[in-house]
């Protein structure tokens, strides 16, 4: 496995991890958990959580 292949695999894994964290954050937002808590628990930035919150608001 070459370096480029390893880097590509790591990018895919990182992308999956990010998606999983965002799904958890969305579920927590739906449960009414405060954004500040979600930031601490998931490691997402305040901006990322606010963006997810805005997306949820648009859906409803």
N, C-alpha and C. Protein backbone atom coordinates (compact mmCIF):
# COMPACT_ATOMS: atom_id res chain seq x y z
N UNK A 1 0.85 -1.18 0.00
CA UNK A 1 0.00 0.00 0.00
C UNK A 1 0.90 1.24 0.00
N UNK A 2 0.74 2.06 -1.01
CA UNK A 2 1.55 3.26 -1.13
C UNK A 2 1.07 4.37 -0.22
N UNK A 3 1.88 5.39 -0.09
CA UNK A 3 1.56 6.52 0.77
C UNK A 3 0.28 7.21 0.32
N UNK A 4 0.12 7.40 -0.99
CA UNK A 4 -1.10 8.04 -1.50
C UNK A 4 -2.34 7.24 -1.12
N UNK A 5 -2.25 5.93 -1.20
CA UNK A 5 -3.37 5.07 -0.84
C UNK A 5 -3.69 5.19 0.65
N UNK A 6 -2.66 5.23 1.46
CA UNK A 6 -2.85 5.36 2.91
C UNK A 6 -3.49 6.70 3.25
N UNK A 7 -3.03 7.75 2.58
CA UNK A 7 -3.59 9.08 2.81
C UNK A 7 -5.07 9.11 2.41
N UNK A 8 -5.39 8.47 1.30
CA UNK A 8 -6.78 8.42 0.84
C UNK A 8 -7.66 7.68 1.84
N UNK A 9 -7.16 6.57 2.36
CA UNK A 9 -7.90 5.80 3.36
C UNK A 9 -8.12 6.63 4.61
N UNK A 10 -7.10 7.34 5.05
CA UNK A 10 -7.23 8.18 6.24
C UNK A 10 -8.25 9.31 6.02
N UNK A 11 -8.28 9.87 4.83
CA UNK A 11 -9.26 10.91 4.52
C UNK A 11 -10.68 10.34 4.59
N UNK A 12 -10.87 9.13 4.08
CA UNK A 12 -12.18 8.48 4.12
C UNK A 12 -12.60 8.23 5.56
N UNK A 13 -11.69 7.69 6.36
CA UNK A 13 -12.00 7.41 7.77
C UNK A 13 -12.34 8.71 8.51
N UNK A 14 -11.57 9.73 8.28
CA UNK A 14 -11.81 11.02 8.92
C UNK A 14 -13.17 11.57 8.52
N UNK A 15 -13.51 11.42 7.25
CA UNK A 15 -14.81 11.87 6.76
C UNK A 15 -15.94 11.12 7.45
N UNK A 16 -15.79 9.80 7.59
CA UNK A 16 -16.81 8.99 8.28
C UNK A 16 -16.94 9.41 9.73
N UNK A 17 -15.83 9.67 10.38
CA UNK A 17 -15.86 10.09 11.78
C UNK A 17 -16.60 11.42 11.91
N UNK A 18 -16.33 12.33 11.00
CA UNK A 18 -16.98 13.65 11.03
C UNK A 18 -18.49 13.48 10.84
N UNK A 19 -18.88 12.65 9.89
CA UNK A 19 -20.30 12.41 9.64
C UNK A 19 -20.97 11.81 10.88
N UNK A 20 -20.30 10.89 11.53
CA UNK A 20 -20.86 10.25 12.72
C UNK A 20 -21.04 11.28 13.84
N UNK A 21 -20.05 12.14 14.04
CA UNK A 21 -20.15 13.17 15.07
C UNK A 21 -21.30 14.13 14.77
N UNK A 22 -21.47 14.47 13.50
CA UNK A 22 -22.56 15.37 13.12
C UNK A 22 -23.91 14.72 13.35
N UNK A 23 -24.03 13.43 13.07
CA UNK A 23 -25.29 12.72 13.31
C UNK A 23 -25.61 12.69 14.80
N UNK A 24 -24.60 12.44 15.61
CA UNK A 24 -24.79 12.45 17.07
C UNK A 24 -25.24 13.84 17.51
N UNK A 25 -24.59 14.86 17.00
CA UNK A 25 -24.93 16.24 17.37
C UNK A 25 -26.36 16.57 16.98
N UNK A 26 -26.78 16.17 15.80
CA UNK A 26 -28.15 16.42 15.35
C UNK A 26 -29.14 15.72 16.28
N UNK A 27 -28.86 14.48 16.64
CA UNK A 27 -29.74 13.75 17.54
C UNK A 27 -29.82 14.43 18.91
N UNK A 28 -28.68 14.91 19.40
CA UNK A 28 -28.66 15.62 20.68
C UNK A 28 -29.45 16.92 20.60
N UNK A 29 -29.32 17.63 19.50
CA UNK A 29 -30.08 18.87 19.31
C UNK A 29 -31.57 18.57 19.30
N UNK A 30 -31.96 17.50 18.63
CA UNK A 30 -33.38 17.12 18.59
C UNK A 30 -33.91 16.78 19.99
N UNK A 31 -33.03 16.30 20.86
CA UNK A 31 -33.41 15.96 22.23
C UNK A 31 -33.39 17.18 23.15
N UNK A 32 -33.01 18.32 22.59
CA UNK A 32 -33.02 19.55 23.38
C UNK A 32 -31.77 19.80 24.19
N UNK A 33 -30.70 19.09 23.89
CA UNK A 33 -29.43 19.30 24.61
C UNK A 33 -28.81 20.62 24.15
N UNK A 34 -28.28 21.37 25.08
CA UNK A 34 -27.69 22.68 24.77
C UNK A 34 -26.49 22.54 23.84
N UNK A 35 -26.36 23.50 22.94
CA UNK A 35 -25.27 23.49 21.97
C UNK A 35 -23.90 23.45 22.65
N UNK A 36 -23.77 24.15 23.78
CA UNK A 36 -22.50 24.18 24.49
C UNK A 36 -22.09 22.79 24.97
N UNK A 37 -23.08 22.02 25.39
CA UNK A 37 -22.80 20.65 25.84
C UNK A 37 -22.39 19.79 24.66
N UNK A 38 -23.07 19.97 23.55
CA UNK A 38 -22.75 19.19 22.34
C UNK A 38 -21.33 19.48 21.87
N UNK A 39 -20.92 20.73 21.94
CA UNK A 39 -19.56 21.11 21.57
C UNK A 39 -18.55 20.38 22.45
N UNK A 40 -18.80 20.36 23.76
CA UNK A 40 -17.88 19.70 24.69
C UNK A 40 -17.84 18.19 24.46
N UNK A 41 -19.00 17.60 24.23
CA UNK A 41 -19.09 16.14 24.12
C UNK A 41 -18.53 15.63 22.79
N UNK A 42 -18.84 16.32 21.71
CA UNK A 42 -18.46 15.83 20.37
C UNK A 42 -17.12 16.35 19.88
N UNK A 43 -16.70 17.50 20.40
CA UNK A 43 -15.48 18.11 19.88
C UNK A 43 -15.71 18.93 18.63
N UNK A 44 -16.97 19.02 18.19
CA UNK A 44 -17.28 19.89 17.05
C UNK A 44 -17.12 21.34 17.50
N UNK A 45 -16.94 22.22 16.55
CA UNK A 45 -16.83 23.63 16.89
C UNK A 45 -18.21 24.22 17.13
N UNK A 46 -18.24 25.37 17.80
CA UNK A 46 -19.49 26.08 18.03
C UNK A 46 -20.16 26.37 16.69
N UNK A 47 -19.38 26.78 15.72
CA UNK A 47 -19.91 27.12 14.40
C UNK A 47 -20.55 25.89 13.74
N UNK A 48 -19.91 24.74 13.86
CA UNK A 48 -20.47 23.52 13.26
C UNK A 48 -21.81 23.16 13.90
N UNK A 49 -21.88 23.25 15.21
CA UNK A 49 -23.12 22.92 15.91
C UNK A 49 -24.20 23.94 15.55
N UNK A 50 -23.85 25.21 15.47
CA UNK A 50 -24.82 26.23 15.10
C UNK A 50 -25.33 26.00 13.69
N UNK A 51 -24.46 25.57 12.79
CA UNK A 51 -24.87 25.28 11.42
C UNK A 51 -25.85 24.11 11.40
N UNK A 52 -25.57 23.07 12.17
CA UNK A 52 -26.47 21.93 12.25
C UNK A 52 -27.81 22.35 12.85
N UNK A 53 -27.76 23.22 13.84
CA UNK A 53 -28.97 23.72 14.47
C UNK A 53 -29.82 24.52 13.47
N UNK A 54 -29.16 25.32 12.65
CA UNK A 54 -29.87 26.10 11.63
C UNK A 54 -30.51 25.17 10.60
N UNK A 55 -29.80 24.13 10.22
CA UNK A 55 -30.36 23.17 9.27
C UNK A 55 -31.60 22.48 9.84
N UNK A 56 -31.54 22.13 11.11
CA UNK A 56 -32.70 21.53 11.77
C UNK A 56 -33.89 22.49 11.79
N UNK A 57 -33.61 23.75 12.06
CA UNK A 57 -34.68 24.75 12.10
C UNK A 57 -35.36 24.90 10.74
N UNK A 58 -34.58 24.80 9.69
CA UNK A 58 -35.13 24.91 8.33
C UNK A 58 -35.98 23.69 7.98
N UNK A 59 -35.64 22.54 8.54
CA UNK A 59 -36.40 21.32 8.26
C UNK A 59 -37.77 21.36 8.91
N UNK A 60 -37.86 22.05 10.05
CA UNK A 60 -39.13 22.06 10.81
C UNK A 60 -40.01 23.18 10.41
